[in-house]
């Protein structure tokens, strides 16, 4: 199980790294271009690829963060596995739901 979680976290990091860079570029582009919130939402709704990228970002973050936090909690605290593991599954589901909800809200904001 530990080896699978290790591999899954590394895989999610590989997916997230270019998406973080893409997100930062989009922030700089929006700020330097003087885009309004309405213009940003309109561009988000203009095609399928932007919501798909941010949806993938949300999924990768929901996988990556709880695995890392699980390792930290297991190594640095005395919390037992039967407490930490379900809490991290709940965190993963919460992050997934909130991330996908944010993407859906942006995509459907003008509809």
Protein backbone atom coordinates (compact mmCIF):
# COMPACT_ATOMS: atom_id res chain seq x y z
CA UNK A 1 0.00 0.00 0.00
CA UNK A 2 2.78 2.46 0.90
CA UNK A 3 4.56 1.87 -2.41
CA UNK A 4 1.33 2.49 -4.33
CA UNK A 5 0.65 5.70 -2.43
CA UNK A 6 4.24 6.82 -3.05
CA UNK A 7 3.86 6.18 -6.77
CA UNK A 8 0.44 7.84 -6.89
CA UNK A 9 1.75 10.95 -5.19
CA UNK A 10 4.69 11.15 -7.59
CA UNK A 11 2.38 10.67 -10.56
CA UNK A 12 0.06 13.41 -9.31
CA UNK A 13 3.09 15.69 -8.91
CA UNK A 14 4.10 15.02 -12.50
CA UNK A 15 0.59 15.99 -13.62
CA UNK A 16 0.39 19.03 -11.35
CA UNK A 17 3.78 20.59 -12.14
CA UNK A 18 2.93 21.84 -15.64
CA UNK A 19 -0.58 22.76 -14.51
CA UNK A 20 0.81 24.96 -11.73
CA UNK A 21 3.05 26.67 -14.28
CA UNK A 22 0.09 27.11 -16.63
CA UNK A 23 -1.97 28.59 -13.79
CA UNK A 24 0.79 31.06 -12.88
CA UNK A 25 1.16 32.12 -16.51
CA UNK A 26 -2.61 32.67 -16.69
CA UNK A 27 -2.49 34.81 -13.53
CA UNK A 28 0.31 36.97 -14.90
CA UNK A 29 -1.47 37.24 -18.25
CA UNK A 30 -4.73 38.29 -16.60
CA UNK A 31 -3.12 40.79 -14.25
CA UNK A 32 -0.79 42.37 -16.80
CA UNK A 33 -3.53 42.40 -19.42
CA UNK A 34 -5.92 44.15 -17.05
CA UNK A 35 -8.64 41.55 -17.51
CA UNK A 36 -11.77 41.91 -15.42
CA UNK A 37 -13.35 39.02 -13.56
CA UNK A 38 -16.11 38.92 -16.18
CA UNK A 39 -13.55 38.63 -18.98
CA UNK A 40 -11.74 35.82 -17.18
CA UNK A 41 -15.00 33.90 -16.68
CA UNK A 42 -15.95 34.47 -20.33
CA UNK A 43 -12.63 33.01 -21.46
CA UNK A 44 -13.10 30.07 -19.11
CA UNK A 45 -16.45 29.37 -20.77
CA UNK A 46 -15.17 29.86 -24.31
CA UNK A 47 -13.95 26.31 -24.83
CA UNK A 48 -13.60 22.89 -23.31
CA UNK A 49 -9.84 22.87 -22.77
CA UNK A 50 -9.57 25.44 -19.96
CA UNK A 51 -12.16 23.76 -17.70
CA UNK A 52 -10.59 20.39 -18.55
CA UNK A 53 -7.14 21.59 -17.46
CA UNK A 54 -8.45 23.09 -14.24
CA UNK A 55 -10.55 19.98 -13.58
CA UNK A 56 -7.45 17.83 -14.01
CA UNK A 57 -5.62 20.22 -11.68
CA UNK A 58 -8.35 19.78 -9.04
CA UNK A 59 -8.19 15.98 -9.31
CA UNK A 60 -4.38 15.91 -9.11
CA UNK A 61 -4.35 18.23 -6.07
CA UNK A 62 -7.04 16.14 -4.35
CA UNK A 63 -4.84 13.07 -4.81
CA UNK A 64 -1.49 14.69 -4.04
CA UNK A 65 -2.13 16.74 -0.91
CA UNK A 66 -3.79 14.14 1.33
CA UNK A 67 -1.11 11.55 0.57
CA UNK A 68 1.62 13.98 1.61
CA UNK A 69 -0.28 15.14 4.68
CA UNK A 70 -0.93 11.50 5.61
CA UNK A 71 2.79 10.80 5.56
CA UNK A 72 3.52 13.89 7.68
CA UNK A 73 0.84 13.01 10.24
CA UNK A 74 1.98 9.38 10.43
CA UNK A 75 5.65 10.36 10.94
CA UNK A 76 5.36 13.46 13.11
CA UNK A 77 2.41 12.66 15.37
CA UNK A 78 1.26 9.79 17.53
CA UNK A 79 -2.07 9.61 15.73
CA UNK A 80 -2.86 6.01 14.83
CA UNK A 81 -3.38 4.88 11.26
CA UNK A 82 -7.06 4.13 11.89
CA UNK A 83 -7.56 7.86 12.59
CA UNK A 84 -5.24 9.38 10.00
CA UNK A 85 -6.17 7.25 7.00
CA UNK A 86 -9.95 7.86 7.04
CA UNK A 87 -9.34 11.55 7.74
CA UNK A 88 -7.13 11.79 4.66
CA UNK A 89 -9.69 9.99 2.52
CA UNK A 90 -12.27 12.52 3.73
CA UNK A 91 -9.85 15.37 2.95
CA UNK A 92 -9.26 13.98 -0.54
CA UNK A 93 -13.00 13.81 -1.20
CA UNK A 94 -13.51 17.32 0.18
CA UNK A 95 -10.72 18.77 -1.97
CA UNK A 96 -12.07 16.97 -5.02
CA UNK A 97 -15.61 18.19 -4.45
CA UNK A 98 -14.55 21.79 -3.79
CA UNK A 99 -12.14 21.90 -6.73
CA UNK A 100 -14.60 20.46 -9.22
CA UNK A 101 -17.35 22.68 -7.85
CA UNK A 102 -15.16 25.74 -8.43
CA UNK A 103 -14.51 24.68 -12.03
CA UNK A 104 -18.20 23.96 -12.59
CA UNK A 105 -19.15 27.32 -11.11
CA UNK A 106 -16.81 29.16 -13.49
CA UNK A 107 -18.00 27.19 -16.49
CA UNK A 108 -21.67 27.66 -15.64
CA UNK A 109 -21.43 31.22 -14.30
CA UNK A 110 -22.82 32.85 -17.41
CA UNK A 111 -25.22 30.10 -18.45
